[in-house]
């Protein structure tokens, strides 16, 4: 029998505890990260507090599920919605999974969890390919939006890796303590091998996301440098004409060109020439 306590209230906790004669773990105890607090054996049964992935509004969150394995029942206590549980119930109704005992049910739940992580990693890889095309090939892409997208991918990838590491520790614990571990040993070893392969994939995806993040920031810096370059060239171009205009704008009584017939035209021509000369020089140097 499988008892799934989804966001149980205090009264529901008391009811389950009184009916089953066990103490249900509190939410704070479930969230502990120490190995001794997440995987242990007591009079209530075999305790496995495992992290599950929970998609939410374009992001992925982690939900800790407390699993209590007894001889005739599996009790799961969770505070969030987890897709793995809905999928397992759906597959069980369709008779796509067969669990002859509660130990098989727990192993199947962990196996399906790893399979879902593999599917999620494939989705993240496809998303990273889209961002890669936008950053490296699309000149009109929004780089700031790409950085935000990459940050979400990196966060999801890190949480998947955390869930995989947690599942690996849970499998090691179950291999040591399951009574019928010989029947499930091969399945759990296959899960461990899948986890090793997925861990390598998360490392590859992490490196790729970091590369794209560095590339995006590099392109942003190049664009900013181009803008600064334009302002620098403009400042250099307008500096000589400004100096000439400042000189001939002085209100001194005696100036050589003050009463000269072509003084104004001479000053204008001199200012234009002093502005065009730097542009020609920069162009020959290849700075434009």
C-alpha atoms as a PDB file:
ATOM      1  CA  UNK A   1       0.000   0.000   0.000  1.00  0.00           C
ATOM      2  CA  UNK A   2       1.229   3.495  -0.887  1.00  0.00           C
ATOM      3  CA  UNK A   3       0.152   6.438   1.260  1.00  0.00           C
ATOM      4  CA  UNK A   4       1.030   9.779  -0.335  1.00  0.00           C
ATOM      5  CA  UNK A   5       0.586  12.707   2.070  1.00  0.00           C
ATOM      6  CA  UNK A   6       0.588  15.809  -0.131  1.00  0.00           C
ATOM      7  CA  UNK A   7       0.877  18.993   1.952  1.00  0.00           C
ATOM      8  CA  UNK A   8      -0.762  17.377   4.985  1.00  0.00           C
ATOM      9  CA  UNK A   9      -2.354  19.571   7.632  1.00  0.00           C
ATOM     10  CA  UNK A  10      -1.656  19.097  11.345  1.00  0.00           C
ATOM     11  CA  UNK A  11      -4.877  17.154  11.796  1.00  0.00           C
ATOM     12  CA  UNK A  12      -4.023  14.887   8.862  1.00  0.00           C
ATOM     13  CA  UNK A  13      -0.571  14.279  10.296  1.00  0.00           C
ATOM     14  CA  UNK A  14      -2.062  13.339  13.646  1.00  0.00           C
ATOM     15  CA  UNK A  15      -4.559  11.014  11.971  1.00  0.00           C
ATOM     16  CA  UNK A  16      -1.884   9.182   9.965  1.00  0.00           C
ATOM     17  CA  UNK A  17       0.392   8.963  13.011  1.00  0.00           C
ATOM     18  CA  UNK A  18      -2.379   7.502  15.188  1.00  0.00           C
ATOM     19  CA  UNK A  19      -3.545   5.017  12.547  1.00  0.00           C
ATOM     20  CA  UNK A  20      -0.089   3.770  11.622  1.00  0.00           C
ATOM     21  CA  UNK A  21       1.447   4.156  15.082  1.00  0.00           C
ATOM     22  CA  UNK A  22       4.454   6.107  13.756  1.00  0.00           C
ATOM     23  CA  UNK A  23       5.893   9.600  14.137  1.00  0.00           C
ATOM     24  CA  UNK A  24       5.832  11.537  10.884  1.00  0.00           C
ATOM     25  CA  UNK A  25       8.855  13.797  10.309  1.00  0.00           C
ATOM     26  CA  UNK A  26       8.332  17.539  10.502  1.00  0.00           C
ATOM     27  CA  UNK A  27       9.085  19.832   7.550  1.00  0.00           C
ATOM     28  CA  UNK A  28      12.239  21.208   9.187  1.00  0.00           C
ATOM     29  CA  UNK A  29      13.561  17.691   9.765  1.00  0.00           C
ATOM     30  CA  UNK A  30      12.903  16.730   6.147  1.00  0.00           C
ATOM     31  CA  UNK A  31      14.950  19.686   4.876  1.00  0.00           C
ATOM     32  CA  UNK A  32      18.092  18.723   6.828  1.00  0.00           C
ATOM     33  CA  UNK A  33      21.072  18.125   4.548  1.00  0.00           C
ATOM     34  CA  UNK A  34      23.163  15.854   6.783  1.00  0.00           C
ATOM     35  CA  UNK A  35      23.323  12.270   5.534  1.00  0.00           C
ATOM     36  CA  UNK A  36      22.418  10.905   8.960  1.00  0.00           C
ATOM     37  CA  UNK A  37      19.255  13.050   8.947  1.00  0.00           C
ATOM     38  CA  UNK A  38      18.208  12.091   5.411  1.00  0.00           C
ATOM     39  CA  UNK A  39      18.875   8.340   5.353  1.00  0.00           C
ATOM     40  CA  UNK A  40      18.350   6.290   8.491  1.00  0.00           C
ATOM     41  CA  UNK A  41      16.584   3.260   9.933  1.00  0.00           C
ATOM     42  CA  UNK A  42      14.403   3.330  13.050  1.00  0.00           C
ATOM     43  CA  UNK A  43      11.373   1.578  14.496  1.00  0.00           C
ATOM     44  CA  UNK A  44       9.073   3.324  12.008  1.00  0.00           C
ATOM     45  CA  UNK A  45      10.916   1.881   9.028  1.00  0.00           C
ATOM     46  CA  UNK A  46      13.491   2.835   6.440  1.00  0.00           C
ATOM     47  CA  UNK A  47      13.681   6.624   5.975  1.00  0.00           C
ATOM     48  CA  UNK A  48      14.814   8.184   2.694  1.00  0.00           C
ATOM     49  CA  UNK A  49      14.464  11.954   2.296  1.00  0.00           C
ATOM     50  CA  UNK A  50      15.000  12.538  -1.412  1.00  0.00           C
ATOM     51  CA  UNK A  51      15.083  15.686  -3.539  1.00  0.00           C
ATOM     52  CA  UNK A  52      12.670  15.865  -6.472  1.00  0.00           C
ATOM     53  CA  UNK A  53      12.476  18.424  -9.258  1.00  0.00           C
ATOM     54  CA  UNK A  54       9.368  20.615  -9.464  1.00  0.00           C
ATOM     55  CA  UNK A  55       8.951  22.930 -12.500  1.00  0.00           C
ATOM     56  CA  UNK A  56       7.339  26.269 -11.654  1.00  0.00           C
ATOM     57  CA  UNK A  57       6.773  29.267 -13.969  1.00  0.00           C
ATOM     58  CA  UNK A  58       9.674  28.580 -16.309  1.00  0.00           C
ATOM     59  CA  UNK A  59      12.018  27.629 -13.484  1.00  0.00           C
ATOM     60  CA  UNK A  60      12.833  24.464 -11.592  1.00  0.00           C
ATOM     61  CA  UNK A  61      12.583  24.151  -7.844  1.00  0.00           C
ATOM     62  CA  UNK A  62      13.515  21.269  -5.572  1.00  0.00           C
ATOM     63  CA  UNK A  63      11.071  19.565  -3.234  1.00  0.00           C
ATOM     64  CA  UNK A  64      12.226  17.225  -0.486  1.00  0.00           C
ATOM     65  CA  UNK A  65      10.030  14.133  -0.190  1.00  0.00           C
ATOM     66  CA  UNK A  66      10.174  12.066   2.976  1.00  0.00           C
ATOM     67  CA  UNK A  67       9.808   8.368   2.121  1.00  0.00           C
ATOM     68  CA  UNK A  68       9.165   5.872   4.927  1.00  0.00           C
ATOM     69  CA  UNK A  69       9.482   2.272   3.769  1.00  0.00           C
ATOM     70  CA  UNK A  70       7.808  -0.359   5.927  1.00  0.00           C
ATOM     71  CA  UNK A  71       7.225  -4.048   5.347  1.00  0.00           C
ATOM     72  CA  UNK A  72       3.723  -3.584   3.908  1.00  0.00           C
ATOM     73  CA  UNK A  73       3.503   0.074   2.950  1.00  0.00           C
ATOM     74  CA  UNK A  74       5.333   3.057   1.529  1.00  0.00           C
ATOM     75  CA  UNK A  75       4.562   6.457   3.058  1.00  0.00           C
ATOM     76  CA  UNK A  76       5.596   9.619   1.217  1.00  0.00           C
ATOM     77  CA  UNK A  77       5.263  13.103   2.695  1.00  0.00           C
ATOM     78  CA  UNK A  78       5.771  16.152   0.480  1.00  0.00           C
ATOM     79  CA  UNK A  79       4.987  19.840   0.609  1.00  0.00           C
ATOM     80  CA  UNK A  80       5.051  20.642  -3.120  1.00  0.00           C
ATOM     81  CA  UNK A  81       3.629  19.347  -6.367  1.00  0.00           C
ATOM     82  CA  UNK A  82       5.946  16.806  -8.011  1.00  0.00           C
ATOM     83  CA  UNK A  83       5.339  15.608 -11.562  1.00  0.00           C
ATOM     84  CA  UNK A  84       7.010  12.238 -10.869  1.00  0.00           C
ATOM     85  CA  UNK A  85       4.187  11.230  -8.547  1.00  0.00           C
ATOM     86  CA  UNK A  86       1.456  12.109 -11.045  1.00  0.00           C
ATOM     87  CA  UNK A  87       3.299  10.244 -13.781  1.00  0.00           C
ATOM     88  CA  UNK A  88       3.830   7.155 -11.629  1.00  0.00           C
ATOM     89  CA  UNK A  89       0.145   7.021 -10.703  1.00  0.00           C
ATOM     90  CA  UNK A  90      -0.796   7.443 -14.382  1.00  0.00           C
ATOM     91  CA  UNK A  91       1.582   4.684 -15.486  1.00  0.00           C
ATOM     92  CA  UNK A  92       0.282   2.412 -12.721  1.00  0.00           C
ATOM     93  CA  UNK A  93      -3.325   2.914 -13.876  1.00  0.00           C
ATOM     94  CA  UNK A  94      -2.240   2.097 -17.440  1.00  0.00           C
ATOM     95  CA  UNK A  95      -0.423  -0.986 -16.094  1.00  0.00           C
ATOM     96  CA  UNK A  96       2.852   0.272 -17.535  1.00  0.00           C
ATOM     97  CA  UNK A  97       4.635  -0.463 -14.245  1.00  0.00           C
ATOM     98  CA  UNK A  98       4.324  -3.551 -12.101  1.00  0.00           C
ATOM     99  CA  UNK A  99       5.408  -3.467  -8.479  1.00  0.00           C
ATOM    100  CA  UNK A 100       4.976  -6.660  -6.550  1.00  0.00           C
ATOM    101  CA  UNK A 101       6.031  -5.093  -3.237  1.00  0.00           C
ATOM    102  CA  UNK A 102       6.621  -1.705  -1.666  1.00  0.00           C
ATOM    103  CA  UNK A 103      10.370  -1.983  -2.158  1.00  0.00           C
ATOM    104  CA  UNK A 104       9.809  -2.310  -5.895  1.00  0.00           C
ATOM    105  CA  UNK A 105       7.550   0.746  -5.707  1.00  0.00           C
ATOM    106  CA  UNK A 106      10.265   2.877  -4.104  1.00  0.00           C
ATOM    107  CA  UNK A 107      12.925   1.707  -6.564  1.00  0.00           C
ATOM    108  CA  UNK A 108      10.549   2.357  -9.474  1.00  0.00           C
ATOM    109  CA  UNK A 109       9.875   5.862  -8.143  1.00  0.00           C
ATOM    110  CA  UNK A 110      13.608   6.629  -8.038  1.00  0.00           C
ATOM    111  CA  UNK A 111      14.118   5.077 -11.480  1.00  0.00           C
ATOM    112  CA  UNK A 112      11.374   7.234 -12.963  1.00  0.00           C
ATOM    113  CA  UNK A 113      12.835  10.278 -11.211  1.00  0.00           C
ATOM    114  CA  UNK A 114      16.169   9.729 -12.964  1.00  0.00           C
ATOM    115  CA  UNK A 115      14.425   9.205 -16.312  1.00  0.00           C
ATOM    116  CA  UNK A 116      12.579  12.509 -15.895  1.00  0.00           C
ATOM    117  CA  UNK A 117      15.855  14.241 -15.058  1.00  0.00           C
ATOM    118  CA  UNK A 118      17.295  12.872 -18.300  1.00  0.00           C
ATOM    119  CA  UNK A 119      14.343  14.292 -20.249  1.00  0.00           C
ATOM    120  CA  UNK A 120      14.717  17.644 -18.508  1.00  0.00           C
ATOM    121  CA  UNK A 121      18.423  17.737 -19.339  1.00  0.00           C
ATOM    122  CA  UNK A 122      17.580  17.135 -22.996  1.00  0.00           C
ATOM    123  CA  UNK A 123      15.178  20.078 -22.857  1.00  0.00           C
ATOM    124  CA  UNK A 124      17.861  22.253 -21.279  1.00  0.00           C
ATOM    125  CA  UNK A 125      20.325  21.212 -23.979  1.00  0.00           C
ATOM    126  CA  UNK A 126      17.868  22.208 -26.699  1.00  0.00           C
ATOM    127  CA  UNK A 127      17.278  25.540 -24.991  1.00  0.00           C
ATOM    128  CA  UNK A 128      21.025  26.140 -24.774  1.00  0.00           C
ATOM    129  CA  UNK A 129      21.297  25.451 -28.527  1.00  0.00           C
ATOM    130  CA  UNK A 130      18.712  28.168 -29.184  1.00  0.00           C
ATOM    131  CA  UNK A 131      20.610  30.631 -26.994  1.00  0.00           C
ATOM    132  CA  UNK A 132      23.869  29.634 -28.705  1.00  0.00           C
ATOM    133  CA  UNK A 133      22.378  30.449 -32.101  1.00  0.00           C
ATOM    134  CA  UNK A 134      21.026  33.767 -30.828  1.00  0.00           C
ATOM    135  CA  UNK A 135      24.338  34.802 -29.245  1.00  0.00           C
ATOM    136  CA  UNK A 136      26.850  33.534 -31.804  1.00  0.00           C
ATOM    137  CA  UNK A 137      24.960  33.823 -35.093  1.00  0.00           C
ATOM    138  CA  UNK A 138      22.097  36.297 -34.764  1.00  0.00           C
ATOM    139  CA  UNK A 139      23.339  39.872 -34.947  1.00  0.00           C
ATOM    140  CA  UNK A 140      19.959  41.301 -33.946  1.00  0.00           C
ATOM    141  CA  UNK A 141      19.495  39.224 -30.796  1.00  0.00           C
ATOM    142  CA  UNK A 142      18.873  40.789 -27.412  1.00  0.00           C
ATOM    143  CA  UNK A 143      22.041  39.927 -25.453  1.00  0.00           C
ATOM    144  CA  UNK A 144      20.622  40.985 -22.098  1.00  0.00           C
ATOM    145  CA  UNK A 145      17.662  38.656 -22.635  1.00  0.00           C
ATOM    146  CA  UNK A 146      20.100  35.876 -23.531  1.00  0.00           C
ATOM    147  CA  UNK A 147      21.961  36.398 -20.247  1.00  0.00           C
ATOM    148  CA  UNK A 148      18.691  36.099 -18.312  1.00  0.00           C
ATOM    149  CA  UNK A 149      17.856  32.901 -20.224  1.00  0.00           C
ATOM    150  CA  UNK A 150      21.294  31.436 -19.548  1.00  0.00           C
ATOM    151  CA  UNK A 151      20.972  32.235 -15.858  1.00  0.00           C
ATOM    152  CA  UNK A 152      17.739  30.206 -15.708  1.00  0.00           C
ATOM    153  CA  UNK A 153      19.383  27.318 -17.561  1.00  0.00           C
ATOM    154  CA  UNK A 154      22.362  27.340 -15.195  1.00  0.00           C
ATOM    155  CA  UNK A 155      20.055  27.382 -12.171  1.00  0.00           C
ATOM    156  CA  UNK A 156      17.988  24.460 -13.496  1.00  0.00           C
ATOM    157  CA  UNK A 157      21.100  22.492 -14.425  1.00  0.00           C
ATOM    158  CA  UNK A 158      22.524  22.969 -10.937  1.00  0.00           C
ATOM    159  CA  UNK A 159      19.310  21.785  -9.291  1.00  0.00           C
ATOM    160  CA  UNK A 160      19.164  18.717 -11.528  1.00  0.00           C
ATOM    161  CA  UNK A 161      22.745  17.893 -10.569  1.00  0.00           C
ATOM    162  CA  UNK A 162      21.840  18.312  -6.898  1.00  0.00           C
ATOM    163  CA  UNK A 163      18.871  15.940  -7.297  1.00  0.00           C
ATOM    164  CA  UNK A 164      21.042  13.379  -9.080  1.00  0.00           C
ATOM    165  CA  UNK A 165      23.677  13.474  -6.349  1.00  0.00           C
ATOM    166  CA  UNK A 166      20.953  13.048  -3.736  1.00  0.00           C
ATOM    167  CA  UNK A 167      19.490  10.081  -5.649  1.00  0.00           C
ATOM    168  CA  UNK A 168      22.935   8.502  -5.868  1.00  0.00           C
ATOM    169  CA  UNK A 169      23.262   8.676  -2.091  1.00  0.00           C
ATOM    170  CA  UNK A 170      19.747   7.242  -1.675  1.00  0.00           C
ATOM    171  CA  UNK A 171      20.573   4.301  -3.961  1.00  0.00           C
ATOM    172  CA  UNK A 172      23.749   3.565  -1.983  1.00  0.00           C
ATOM    173  CA  UNK A 173      21.743   3.594   1.252  1.00  0.00           C
ATOM    174  CA  UNK A 174      19.055   1.290  -0.164  1.00  0.00           C
ATOM    175  CA  UNK A 175      21.653  -1.164  -1.476  1.00  0.00           C
ATOM    176  CA  UNK A 176      22.908  -1.569   2.083  1.00  0.00           C
ATOM    177  CA  UNK A 177      19.572  -1.811   3.877  1.00  0.00           C
ATOM    178  CA  UNK A 178      16.880  -3.287   1.619  1.00  0.00           C
ATOM    179  CA  UNK A 179      15.882  -6.757   2.788  1.00  0.00           C
ATOM    180  CA  UNK A 180      15.279  -8.007  -0.747  1.00  0.00           C
ATOM    181  CA  UNK A 181      18.137  -6.015  -2.204  1.00  0.00           C
ATOM    182  CA  UNK A 182      19.272  -8.950  -4.326  1.00  0.00           C
ATOM    183  CA  UNK A 183      16.070  -8.718  -6.367  1.00  0.00           C
ATOM    184  CA  UNK A 184      16.532  -4.985  -6.916  1.00  0.00           C
ATOM    185  CA  UNK A 185      20.324  -4.845  -7.011  1.00  0.00           C
ATOM    186  CA  UNK A 186      20.616  -4.910 -10.806  1.00  0.00           C
ATOM    187  CA  UNK A 187      17.938  -2.236 -11.201  1.00  0.00           C
ATOM    188  CA  UNK A 188      19.623   0.007  -8.663  1.00  0.00           C
ATOM    189  CA  UNK A 189      23.009  -0.523 -10.298  1.00  0.00           C
ATOM    190  CA  UNK A 190      21.473   0.496 -13.628  1.00  0.00           C
ATOM    191  CA  UNK A 191      20.083   3.614 -11.963  1.00  0.00           C
ATOM    192  CA  UNK A 192      23.559   4.388 -10.600  1.00  0.00           C
ATOM    193  CA  UNK A 193      25.095   4.011 -14.061  1.00  0.00           C
ATOM    194  CA  UNK A 194      22.431   6.298 -15.527  1.00  0.00           C
ATOM    195  CA  UNK A 195      23.168   8.843 -12.829  1.00  0.00           C
ATOM    196  CA  UNK A 196      26.893   8.744 -13.627  1.00  0.00           C
ATOM    197  CA  UNK A 197      26.145   9.395 -17.306  1.00  0.00           C
ATOM    198  CA  UNK A 198      23.750  12.225 -16.461  1.00  0.00           C
ATOM    199  CA  UNK A 199      26.254  13.784 -14.071  1.00  0.00           C
ATOM    200  CA  UNK A 200      28.749  13.958 -16.940  1.00  0.00           C
ATOM    201  CA  UNK A 201      26.081  15.552 -19.092  1.00  0.00           C
ATOM    202  CA  UNK A 202      25.336  18.192 -16.435  1.00  0.00           C
ATOM    203  CA  UNK A 203      29.063  18.992 -16.321  1.00  0.00           C
ATOM    204  CA  UNK A 204      29.128  19.387 -20.112  1.00  0.00           C
ATOM    205  CA  UNK A 205      26.004  21.561 -20.004  1.00  0.00           C
ATOM    206  CA  UNK A 206      27.458  23.641 -17.185  1.00  0.00           C
ATOM    207  CA  UNK A 207      30.622  24.296 -19.217  1.00  0.00           C
ATOM    208  CA  UNK A 208      28.585  25.182 -22.299  1.00  0.00           C
ATOM    209  CA  UNK A 209      26.372  27.607 -20.376  1.00  0.00           C
ATOM    210  CA  UNK A 210      29.443  29.269 -18.867  1.00  0.00           C
ATOM    211  CA  UNK A 211      31.005  29.559 -22.331  1.00  0.00           C
ATOM    212  CA  UNK A 212      27.843  31.172 -23.710  1.00  0.00           C
ATOM    213  CA  UNK A 213      27.639  33.467 -20.688  1.00  0.00           C
ATOM    214  CA  UNK A 214      31.249  34.600 -21.188  1.00  0.00           C
ATOM    215  CA  UNK A 215      30.649  35.040 -24.935  1.00  0.00           C
ATOM    216  CA  UNK A 216      27.516  37.086 -24.327  1.00  0.00           C
ATOM    217  CA  UNK A 217      29.275  39.336 -21.851  1.00  0.00           C
ATOM    218  CA  UNK A 218      32.176  39.670 -24.300  1.00  0.00           C
ATOM    219  CA  UNK A 219      29.833  40.782 -27.093  1.00  0.00           C
ATOM    220  CA  UNK A 220      28.188  43.267 -24.754  1.00  0.00           C
ATOM    221  CA  UNK A 221      31.623  44.665 -23.873  1.00  0.00           C
ATOM    222  CA  UNK A 222      32.466  44.933 -27.577  1.00  0.00           C
ATOM    223  CA  UNK A 223      29.266  46.867 -28.235  1.00  0.00           C
ATOM    224  CA  UNK A 224      29.986  49.172 -25.325  1.00  0.00           C
ATOM    225  CA  UNK A 225      33.553  49.691 -26.553  1.00  0.00           C
ATOM    226  CA  UNK A 226      32.209  50.585 -29.998  1.00  0.00           C
ATOM    227  CA  UNK A 227      29.978  53.232 -28.440  1.00  0.00           C
ATOM    228  CA  UNK A 228      32.856  54.613 -26.378  1.00  0.00           C
ATOM    229  CA  UNK A 229      35.035  54.558 -29.501  1.00  0.00           C
ATOM    230  CA  UNK A 230      32.486  56.656 -31.395  1.00  0.00           C
ATOM    231  CA  UNK A 231      32.348  59.210 -28.585  1.00  0.00           C
ATOM    232  CA  UNK A 232      36.160  59.316 -28.404  1.00  0.00           C
ATOM    233  CA  UNK A 233      36.489  59.919 -32.143  1.00  0.00           C
ATOM    234  CA  UNK A 234      33.786  62.589 -32.004  1.00  0.00           C
ATOM    235  CA  UNK A 235      35.623  64.306 -29.165  1.00  0.00           C
ATOM    236  CA  UNK A 236      38.907  64.277 -31.111  1.00  0.00           C
ATOM    237  CA  UNK A 237      37.212  65.504 -34.319  1.00  0.00           C
ATOM    238  CA  UNK A 238      35.442  68.410 -32.648  1.00  0.00           C
ATOM    239  CA  UNK A 239      38.312  69.434 -30.388  1.00  0.00           C
ATOM    240  CA  UNK A 240      40.450  71.369 -32.989  1.00  0.00           C
ATOM    241  CA  UNK A 241      37.441  73.280 -34.437  1.00  0.00           C
ATOM    242  CA  UNK A 242      36.375  74.120 -30.912  1.00  0.00           C
ATOM    243  CA  UNK A 243      39.824  75.523 -30.142  1.00  0.00           C
ATOM    244  CA  UNK A 244      39.805  77.620 -33.326  1.00  0.00           C
ATOM    245  CA  UNK A 245      36.284  78.877 -32.643  1.00  0.00           C
ATOM    246  CA  UNK A 246      37.295  79.732 -29.084  1.00  0.00           C
ATOM    247  CA  UNK A 247      40.297  81.751 -30.285  1.00  0.00           C
ATOM    248  CA  UNK A 248      38.317  83.761 -32.810  1.00  0.00           C
ATOM    249  CA  UNK A 249      35.503  84.204 -30.348  1.00  0.00           C
ATOM    250  CA  UNK A 250      37.699  86.261 -28.026  1.00  0.00           C
ATOM    251  CA  UNK A 251      36.622  89.864 -27.551  1.00  0.00           C
ATOM    252  CA  UNK A 252      40.015  91.516 -27.874  1.00  0.00           C
ATOM    253  CA  UNK A 253      40.167  94.900 -29.564  1.00  0.00           C
ATOM    254  CA  UNK A 254      43.218  94.151 -31.629  1.00  0.00           C
ATOM    255  CA  UNK A 255      43.063  90.841 -33.529  1.00  0.00           C
ATOM    256  CA  UNK A 256      44.929  90.302 -36.842  1.00  0.00           C
ATOM    257  CA  UNK A 257      41.892  88.970 -38.757  1.00  0.00           C
ATOM    258  CA  UNK A 258      39.225  91.115 -37.073  1.00  0.00           C
ATOM    259  CA  UNK A 259      38.869  93.578 -39.920  1.00  0.00           C
ATOM    260  CA  UNK A 260      40.063  91.226 -42.646  1.00  0.00           C
ATOM    261  CA  UNK A 261      37.581  90.810 -45.502  1.00  0.00           C
ATOM    262  CA  UNK A 262      38.036  87.030 -45.686  1.00  0.00           C
ATOM    263  CA  UNK A 263      38.553  86.468 -41.976  1.00  0.00           C
ATOM    264  CA  UNK A 264      35.223  84.733 -41.395  1.00  0.00           C
ATOM    265  CA  UNK A 265      35.625  82.407 -44.390  1.00  0.00           C
ATOM    266  CA  UNK A 266      39.206  81.695 -43.323  1.00  0.00           C
ATOM    267  CA  UNK A 267      38.105  80.709 -39.792  1.00  0.00           C
ATOM    268  CA  UNK A 268      35.279  78.483 -41.072  1.00  0.00           C
ATOM    269  CA  UNK A 269      37.589  76.774 -43.567  1.00  0.00           C
ATOM    270  CA  UNK A 270      40.221  76.260 -40.891  1.00  0.00           C
ATOM    271  CA  UNK A 271      37.687  74.684 -38.523  1.00  0.00           C
ATOM    272  CA  UNK A 272      36.374  72.310 -41.210  1.00  0.00           C
ATOM    273  CA  UNK A 273      39.887  71.299 -42.200  1.00  0.00           C
ATOM    274  CA  UNK A 274      40.925  70.699 -38.589  1.00  0.00           C
ATOM    275  CA  UNK A 275      37.859  68.448 -38.141  1.00  0.00           C
ATOM    276  CA  UNK A 276      38.286  66.498 -41.380  1.00  0.00           C
ATOM    277  CA  UNK A 277      42.026  65.913 -40.894  1.00  0.00           C
ATOM    278  CA  UNK A 278      41.636  63.574 -37.868  1.00  0.00           C
ATOM    279  CA  UNK A 279      38.931  61.596 -39.709  1.00  0.00           C
ATOM    280  CA  UNK A 280      41.242  61.029 -42.664  1.00  0.00           C
ATOM    281  CA  UNK A 281      44.059  60.029 -40.308  1.00  0.00           C
ATOM    282  CA  UNK A 282      41.862  57.565 -38.388  1.00  0.00           C
ATOM    283  CA  UNK A 283      40.584  56.055 -41.636  1.00  0.00           C
ATOM    284  CA  UNK A 284      44.117  55.460 -42.962  1.00  0.00           C
ATOM    285  CA  UNK A 285      45.069  53.831 -39.663  1.00  0.00           C
ATOM    286  CA  UNK A 286      42.016  51.549 -39.879  1.00  0.00           C
ATOM    287  CA  UNK A 287      40.518  52.802 -36.617  1.00  0.00           C
ATOM    288  CA  UNK A 288      37.128  53.541 -38.142  1.00  0.00           C
END
